[in-house]
Amino acid sequence: MNPRLLIGAVLLALTACGQAAPPAQVASLQTSGSTPAPASGTAPAEAEQPRLRMDMNDEEKRRLYDAHTACLAEKDPNATGSGPGPEGRRQYSDEAWRACAKKWPLPPWEMDSANPAFKDNWHRNVQCLNSRGMKVIETEPGSWTYDGEQTLPEAERGRIEKECEQEVFGGGHR
């Protein structure tokens, strides 16, 4: 037998045995509400940035903000803690803020400036506030200021704000 053929056959056999089979790839459809599973050998995707909801109570909101604060404390253990930082400096480093940015809760979709209906709804919200006795001026979408001295007690103004937000923006989810 030709020695070159024998060496070639041995090399071919060793090469074929030494390679792992490529991972099987199967086509799949993604339905709304489902997330695709990560391919084997890849790290799982980071959790989606949390979003507040119109119907959340104060405790639920606090938990989301506390998760952000815990992240900051973990990323910057030498931070000043709660309250203002020393000499007007920030409590946490810029690096910690960048590392924890995805933990900061987004506003409810209904009140997010990325929502195409937000600008018109905000204008309706300001109209609602004025129709219920608050004296406010819309300064830009997402912001208003008082127009003169307020005649309504603070508690009543807070109630009116919540009622108008619920009336105009609703409590639906994205």
Foldseek 3Di string as FASTA:
>chain_A
DDVVVVVVVVVVVVVVVPDDDDDDDDDDDDDPPDDDDDDPPDDDDDDAQAADFLPDDPVVLVVLVVVLVVQQCVVAVPFPPDDAGPPRDHRGDPVSCVVSVSSRYHYALLCHPVNPCQQVLQVQLVVQLVVVQFAWDAPGRPDIDGDDDGPDDPVVSVVSSSVSCCVRSNGDHD
